[in-house]
């Protein structure tokens, strides 16, 4: 699985890195970013939870 963020729509709420810090972090510009190429298997559920909880629905989880 891979995660993608439409950073143009990110509102910098910080929910995704607080839910799944193994995949998401806040970048130097204040917006969330994905910093892994592939979501580790043991945190896939947390990454999906972060995507589902995104208040502006800019996080997308895709199967490879």
PDB file of N, CA and C in Angstrom:
ATOM      1  N   UNK A   1       0.833  -1.177   0.000  1.00  0.00           N
ATOM      2  CA  UNK A   1       0.000   0.000   0.000  1.00  0.00           C
ATOM      3  C   UNK A   1       0.881   1.246   0.000  1.00  0.00           C
ATOM      4  N   UNK A   2       0.370   2.266  -0.654  1.00  0.00           N
ATOM      5  CA  UNK A   2       1.068   3.552  -0.668  1.00  0.00           C
ATOM      6  C   UNK A   2       0.083   4.652  -0.279  1.00  0.00           C
ATOM      7  N   UNK A   3       0.622   5.695   0.327  1.00  0.00           N
ATOM      8  CA  UNK A   3      -0.190   6.843   0.715  1.00  0.00           C
ATOM      9  C   UNK A   3       0.213   8.036  -0.134  1.00  0.00           C
ATOM     10  N   UNK A   4      -0.779   8.849  -0.445  1.00  0.00           N
ATOM     11  CA  UNK A   4      -0.528  10.082  -1.187  1.00  0.00           C
ATOM     12  C   UNK A   4      -1.344  11.188  -0.536  1.00  0.00           C
ATOM     13  N   UNK A   5      -0.785  12.402  -0.546  1.00  0.00           N
ATOM     14  CA  UNK A   5      -1.491  13.560  -0.007  1.00  0.00           C
ATOM     15  C   UNK A   5      -1.552  14.628  -1.088  1.00  0.00           C
ATOM     16  N   UNK A   6      -2.743  15.162  -1.294  1.00  0.00           N
ATOM     17  CA  UNK A   6      -2.904  16.336  -2.151  1.00  0.00           C
ATOM     18  C   UNK A   6      -2.554  17.534  -1.276  1.00  0.00           C
ATOM     19  N   UNK A   7      -1.289  17.903  -1.277  1.00  0.00           N
ATOM     20  CA  UNK A   7      -0.794  18.930  -0.366  1.00  0.00           C
ATOM     21  C   UNK A   7      -1.428  20.293  -0.620  1.00  0.00           C
ATOM     22  N   UNK A   8      -1.940  20.529  -1.826  1.00  0.00           N
ATOM     23  CA  UNK A   8      -2.602  21.806  -2.106  1.00  0.00           C
ATOM     24  C   UNK A   8      -3.847  21.994  -1.240  1.00  0.00           C
ATOM     25  N   UNK A   9      -4.453  20.900  -0.840  1.00  0.00           N
ATOM     26  CA  UNK A   9      -5.658  20.987  -0.028  1.00  0.00           C
ATOM     27  C   UNK A   9      -5.425  20.806   1.459  1.00  0.00           C
ATOM     28  N   UNK A  10      -4.193  20.513   1.858  1.00  0.00           N
ATOM     29  CA  UNK A  10      -3.859  20.273   3.268  1.00  0.00           C
ATOM     30  C   UNK A  10      -4.080  21.556   4.075  1.00  0.00           C
ATOM     31  N   UNK A  11      -4.716  21.406   5.258  1.00  0.00           N
ATOM     32  CA  UNK A  11      -4.953  22.558   6.124  1.00  0.00           C
ATOM     33  C   UNK A  11      -4.046  22.540   7.360  1.00  0.00           C
ATOM     34  N   UNK A  12      -3.044  21.678   7.363  1.00  0.00           N
ATOM     35  CA  UNK A  12      -2.033  21.617   8.439  1.00  0.00           C
ATOM     36  C   UNK A  12      -2.628  21.315   9.808  1.00  0.00           C
ATOM     37  N   UNK A  13      -3.633  20.460   9.861  1.00  0.00           N
ATOM     38  CA  UNK A  13      -4.268  20.167  11.148  1.00  0.00           C
ATOM     39  C   UNK A  13      -3.413  19.260  12.029  1.00  0.00           C
ATOM     40  N   UNK A  14      -2.528  18.467  11.413  1.00  0.00           N
ATOM     41  CA  UNK A  14      -1.648  17.594  12.174  1.00  0.00           C
ATOM     42  C   UNK A  14      -2.252  16.254  12.562  1.00  0.00           C
ATOM     43  N   UNK A  15      -3.467  15.965  12.107  1.00  0.00           N
ATOM     44  CA  UNK A  15      -4.110  14.713  12.481  1.00  0.00           C
ATOM     45  C   UNK A  15      -3.372  13.495  11.934  1.00  0.00           C
ATOM     46  N   UNK A  16      -2.925  13.551  10.686  1.00  0.00           N
ATOM     47  CA  UNK A  16      -2.308  12.354  10.092  1.00  0.00           C
ATOM     48  C   UNK A  16      -1.000  11.959  10.789  1.00  0.00           C
ATOM     49  N   UNK A  17      -0.078  12.887  11.077  1.00  0.00           N
ATOM     50  CA  UNK A  17       1.124  12.433  11.785  1.00  0.00           C
ATOM     51  C   UNK A  17       0.850  12.036  13.233  1.00  0.00           C
ATOM     52  N   UNK A  18      -0.180  12.588  13.836  1.00  0.00           N
ATOM     53  CA  UNK A  18      -0.492  12.165  15.201  1.00  0.00           C
ATOM     54  C   UNK A  18      -1.146  10.779  15.206  1.00  0.00           C
ATOM     55  N   UNK A  19      -1.833  10.431  14.115  1.00  0.00           N
ATOM     56  CA  UNK A  19      -2.471   9.111  14.003  1.00  0.00           C
ATOM     57  C   UNK A  19      -1.490   8.051  13.531  1.00  0.00           C
ATOM     58  N   UNK A  20      -0.628   8.401  12.577  1.00  0.00           N
ATOM     59  CA  UNK A  20       0.301   7.423  11.994  1.00  0.00           C
ATOM     60  C   UNK A  20       1.657   8.080  11.692  1.00  0.00           C
ATOM     61  N   UNK A  21       2.453   8.310  12.728  1.00  0.00           N
ATOM     62  CA  UNK A  21       3.746   8.974  12.525  1.00  0.00           C
ATOM     63  C   UNK A  21       4.764   8.142  11.739  1.00  0.00           C
ATOM     64  N   UNK A  22       4.484   6.853  11.541  1.00  0.00           N
ATOM     65  CA  UNK A  22       5.384   6.001  10.767  1.00  0.00           C
ATOM     66  C   UNK A  22       5.280   6.285   9.273  1.00  0.00           C
ATOM     67  N   UNK A  23       4.237   7.024   8.851  1.00  0.00           N
ATOM     68  CA  UNK A  23       3.997   7.284   7.432  1.00  0.00           C
ATOM     69  C   UNK A  23       3.943   8.788   7.127  1.00  0.00           C
ATOM     70  N   UNK A  24       3.346   9.547   8.044  1.00  0.00           N
ATOM     71  CA  UNK A  24       3.115  10.977   7.802  1.00  0.00           C
ATOM     72  C   UNK A  24       3.929  11.838   8.762  1.00  0.00           C
ATOM     73  N   UNK A  25       4.273  13.024   8.311  1.00  0.00           N
ATOM     74  CA  UNK A  25       4.924  14.018   9.169  1.00  0.00           C
ATOM     75  C   UNK A  25       4.590  15.405   8.624  1.00  0.00           C
ATOM     76  N   UNK A  26       4.840  16.387   9.449  1.00  0.00           N
ATOM     77  CA  UNK A  26       4.653  17.767   9.018  1.00  0.00           C
ATOM     78  C   UNK A  26       5.974  18.228   8.407  1.00  0.00           C
ATOM     79  N   UNK A  27       5.910  18.733   7.192  1.00  0.00           N
ATOM     80  CA  UNK A  27       7.099  19.186   6.469  1.00  0.00           C
ATOM     81  C   UNK A  27       7.496  20.584   6.944  1.00  0.00           C
ATOM     82  N   UNK A  28       8.648  21.028   6.509  1.00  0.00           N
ATOM     83  CA  UNK A  28       9.162  22.344   6.889  1.00  0.00           C
ATOM     84  C   UNK A  28       8.223  23.476   6.473  1.00  0.00           C
ATOM     85  N   UNK A  29       7.423  23.252   5.428  1.00  0.00           N
ATOM     86  CA  UNK A  29       6.499  24.294   4.976  1.00  0.00           C
ATOM     87  C   UNK A  29       5.183  24.289   5.756  1.00  0.00           C
ATOM     88  N   UNK A  30       5.071  23.408   6.763  1.00  0.00           N
ATOM     89  CA  UNK A  30       3.888  23.366   7.606  1.00  0.00           C
ATOM     90  C   UNK A  30       2.789  22.440   7.121  1.00  0.00           C
ATOM     91  N   UNK A  31       2.954  21.858   5.943  1.00  0.00           N
ATOM     92  CA  UNK A  31       1.957  20.943   5.398  1.00  0.00           C
ATOM     93  C   UNK A  31       2.363  19.501   5.677  1.00  0.00           C
ATOM     94  N   UNK A  32       1.370  18.628   5.715  1.00  0.00           N
ATOM     95  CA  UNK A  32       1.648  17.206   5.922  1.00  0.00           C
ATOM     96  C   UNK A  32       2.289  16.608   4.679  1.00  0.00           C
ATOM     97  N   UNK A  33       3.112  15.584   4.905  1.00  0.00           N
ATOM     98  CA  UNK A  33       3.723  14.868   3.789  1.00  0.00           C
ATOM     99  C   UNK A  33       3.857  13.400   4.136  1.00  0.00           C
ATOM    100  N   UNK A  34       3.930  12.580   3.097  1.00  0.00           N
ATOM    101  CA  UNK A  34       4.218  11.152   3.227  1.00  0.00           C
ATOM    102  C   UNK A  34       5.726  11.019   3.082  1.00  0.00           C
ATOM    103  N   UNK A  35       6.369  10.327   4.015  1.00  0.00           N
ATOM    104  CA  UNK A  35       7.822  10.218   3.937  1.00  0.00           C
ATOM    105  C   UNK A  35       8.329   8.783   3.803  1.00  0.00           C
ATOM    106  N   UNK A  36       7.446   7.860   3.472  1.00  0.00           N
ATOM    107  CA  UNK A  36       7.855   6.479   3.189  1.00  0.00           C
ATOM    108  C   UNK A  36       7.353   6.096   1.803  1.00  0.00           C
ATOM    109  N   UNK A  37       8.103   5.265   1.117  1.00  0.00           N
ATOM    110  CA  UNK A  37       7.697   4.824  -0.216  1.00  0.00           C
ATOM    111  C   UNK A  37       6.525   3.856  -0.153  1.00  0.00           C
ATOM    112  N   UNK A  38       6.544   2.994   0.849  1.00  0.00           N
ATOM    113  CA  UNK A  38       5.486   2.003   1.006  1.00  0.00           C
ATOM    114  C   UNK A  38       5.085   1.956   2.475  1.00  0.00           C
ATOM    115  N   UNK A  39       3.790   1.873   2.728  1.00  0.00           N
ATOM    116  CA  UNK A  39       3.302   1.815   4.097  1.00  0.00           C
ATOM    117  C   UNK A  39       3.717   0.479   4.709  1.00  0.00           C
ATOM    118  N   UNK A  40       4.408   0.495   5.855  1.00  0.00           N
ATOM    119  CA  UNK A  40       4.763  -0.771   6.504  1.00  0.00           C
ATOM    120  C   UNK A  40       3.498  -1.562   6.850  1.00  0.00           C
ATOM    121  N   UNK A  41       3.558  -2.846   6.652  1.00  0.00           N
ATOM    122  CA  UNK A  41       2.390  -3.703   6.832  1.00  0.00           C
ATOM    123  C   UNK A  41       1.778  -3.572   8.226  1.00  0.00           C
ATOM    124  N   UNK A  42       2.614  -3.411   9.242  1.00  0.00           N
ATOM    125  CA  UNK A  42       2.106  -3.371  10.612  1.00  0.00           C
ATOM    126  C   UNK A  42       1.405  -2.059  10.974  1.00  0.00           C
ATOM    127  N   UNK A  43       1.456  -1.052  10.110  1.00  0.00           N
ATOM    128  CA  UNK A  43       0.764   0.217  10.383  1.00  0.00           C
ATOM    129  C   UNK A  43      -0.256   0.573   9.303  1.00  0.00           C
ATOM    130  N   UNK A  44      -0.586  -0.367   8.434  1.00  0.00           N
ATOM    131  CA  UNK A  44      -1.556  -0.090   7.369  1.00  0.00           C
ATOM    132  C   UNK A  44      -2.889   0.392   7.927  1.00  0.00           C
ATOM    133  N   UNK A  45      -3.365  -0.237   9.010  1.00  0.00           N
ATOM    134  CA  UNK A  45      -4.648   0.161   9.597  1.00  0.00           C
ATOM    135  C   UNK A  45      -4.598   1.598  10.112  1.00  0.00           C
ATOM    136  N   UNK A  46      -3.476   1.994  10.712  1.00  0.00           N
ATOM    137  CA  UNK A  46      -3.339   3.359  11.214  1.00  0.00           C
ATOM    138  C   UNK A  46      -3.286   4.364  10.069  1.00  0.00           C
ATOM    139  N   UNK A  47      -2.641   4.003   8.956  1.00  0.00           N
ATOM    140  CA  UNK A  47      -2.584   4.896   7.800  1.00  0.00           C
ATOM    141  C   UNK A  47      -3.977   5.089   7.209  1.00  0.00           C
ATOM    142  N   UNK A  48      -4.754   4.017   7.129  1.00  0.00           N
ATOM    143  CA  UNK A  48      -6.127   4.114   6.634  1.00  0.00           C
ATOM    144  C   UNK A  48      -6.965   4.955   7.595  1.00  0.00           C
ATOM    145  N   UNK A  49      -6.751   4.792   8.893  1.00  0.00           N
ATOM    146  CA  UNK A  49      -7.463   5.598   9.889  1.00  0.00           C
ATOM    147  C   UNK A  49      -7.136   7.083   9.709  1.00  0.00           C
ATOM    148  N   UNK A  50      -5.869   7.395   9.439  1.00  0.00           N
ATOM    149  CA  UNK A  50      -5.477   8.786   9.203  1.00  0.00           C
ATOM    150  C   UNK A  50      -6.162   9.340   7.964  1.00  0.00           C
ATOM    151  N   UNK A  51      -6.223   8.537   6.904  1.00  0.00           N
ATOM    152  CA  UNK A  51      -6.889   8.979   5.674  1.00  0.00           C
ATOM    153  C   UNK A  51      -8.373   9.199   5.913  1.00  0.00           C
ATOM    154  N   UNK A  52      -9.004   8.267   6.626  1.00  0.00           N
ATOM    155  CA  UNK A  52     -10.433   8.379   6.901  1.00  0.00           C
ATOM    156  C   UNK A  52     -10.741   9.578   7.796  1.00  0.00           C
ATOM    157  N   UNK A  53      -9.810   9.920   8.671  1.00  0.00           N
ATOM    158  CA  UNK A  53     -10.032  11.016   9.607  1.00  0.00           C
ATOM    159  C   UNK A  53      -9.658  12.383   9.075  1.00  0.00           C
ATOM    160  N   UNK A  54      -9.010  12.445   7.926  1.00  0.00           N
ATOM    161  CA  UNK A  54      -8.587  13.727   7.367  1.00  0.00           C
ATOM    162  C   UNK A  54      -9.807  14.621   7.150  1.00  0.00           C
ATOM    163  N   UNK A  55      -9.834  15.807   7.789  1.00  0.00           N
ATOM    164  CA  UNK A  55     -11.028  16.653   7.685  1.00  0.00           C
ATOM    165  C   UNK A  55     -11.266  17.240   6.295  1.00  0.00           C
ATOM    166  N   UNK A  56     -10.253  17.239   5.446  1.00  0.00           N
ATOM    167  CA  UNK A  56     -10.420  17.777   4.089  1.00  0.00           C
ATOM    168  C   UNK A  56     -10.246  16.697   3.016  1.00  0.00           C
ATOM    169  N   UNK A  57     -10.148  15.438   3.439  1.00  0.00           N
ATOM    170  CA  UNK A  57     -10.096  14.270   2.542  1.00  0.00           C
ATOM    171  C   UNK A  57      -9.033  14.379   1.450  1.00  0.00           C
ATOM    172  N   UNK A  58      -7.818  14.777   1.838  1.00  0.00           N
ATOM    173  CA  UNK A  58      -6.737  14.898   0.852  1.00  0.00           C
ATOM    174  C   UNK A  58      -5.750  13.737   0.913  1.00  0.00           C
ATOM    175  N   UNK A  59      -5.977  12.770   1.788  1.00  0.00           N
ATOM    176  CA  UNK A  59      -5.095  11.608   1.914  1.00  0.00           C
ATOM    177  C   UNK A  59      -5.739  10.439   1.182  1.00  0.00           C
ATOM    178  N   UNK A  60      -4.965   9.781   0.344  1.00  0.00           N
ATOM    179  CA  UNK A  60      -5.457   8.641  -0.423  1.00  0.00           C
ATOM    180  C   UNK A  60      -4.518   7.465  -0.208  1.00  0.00           C
ATOM    181  N   UNK A  61      -5.098   6.321   0.130  1.00  0.00           N
ATOM    182  CA  UNK A  61      -4.341   5.086   0.317  1.00  0.00           C
ATOM    183  C   UNK A  61      -4.665   4.189  -0.868  1.00  0.00           C
ATOM    184  N   UNK A  62      -3.623   3.695  -1.525  1.00  0.00           N
ATOM    185  CA  UNK A  62      -3.814   2.877  -2.718  1.00  0.00           C
ATOM    186  C   UNK A  62      -3.033   1.576  -2.601  1.00  0.00           C
ATOM    187  N   UNK A  63      -3.601   0.540  -3.197  1.00  0.00           N
ATOM    188  CA  UNK A  63      -2.875  -0.733  -3.314  1.00  0.00           C
ATOM    189  C   UNK A  63      -1.853  -0.565  -4.429  1.00  0.00           C
ATOM    190  N   UNK A  64      -0.727  -1.228  -4.282  1.00  0.00           N
ATOM    191  CA  UNK A  64       0.292  -1.138  -5.334  1.00  0.00           C
ATOM    192  C   UNK A  64       0.015  -2.110  -6.435  1.00  0.00           C
TER     193      UNK A  64
END
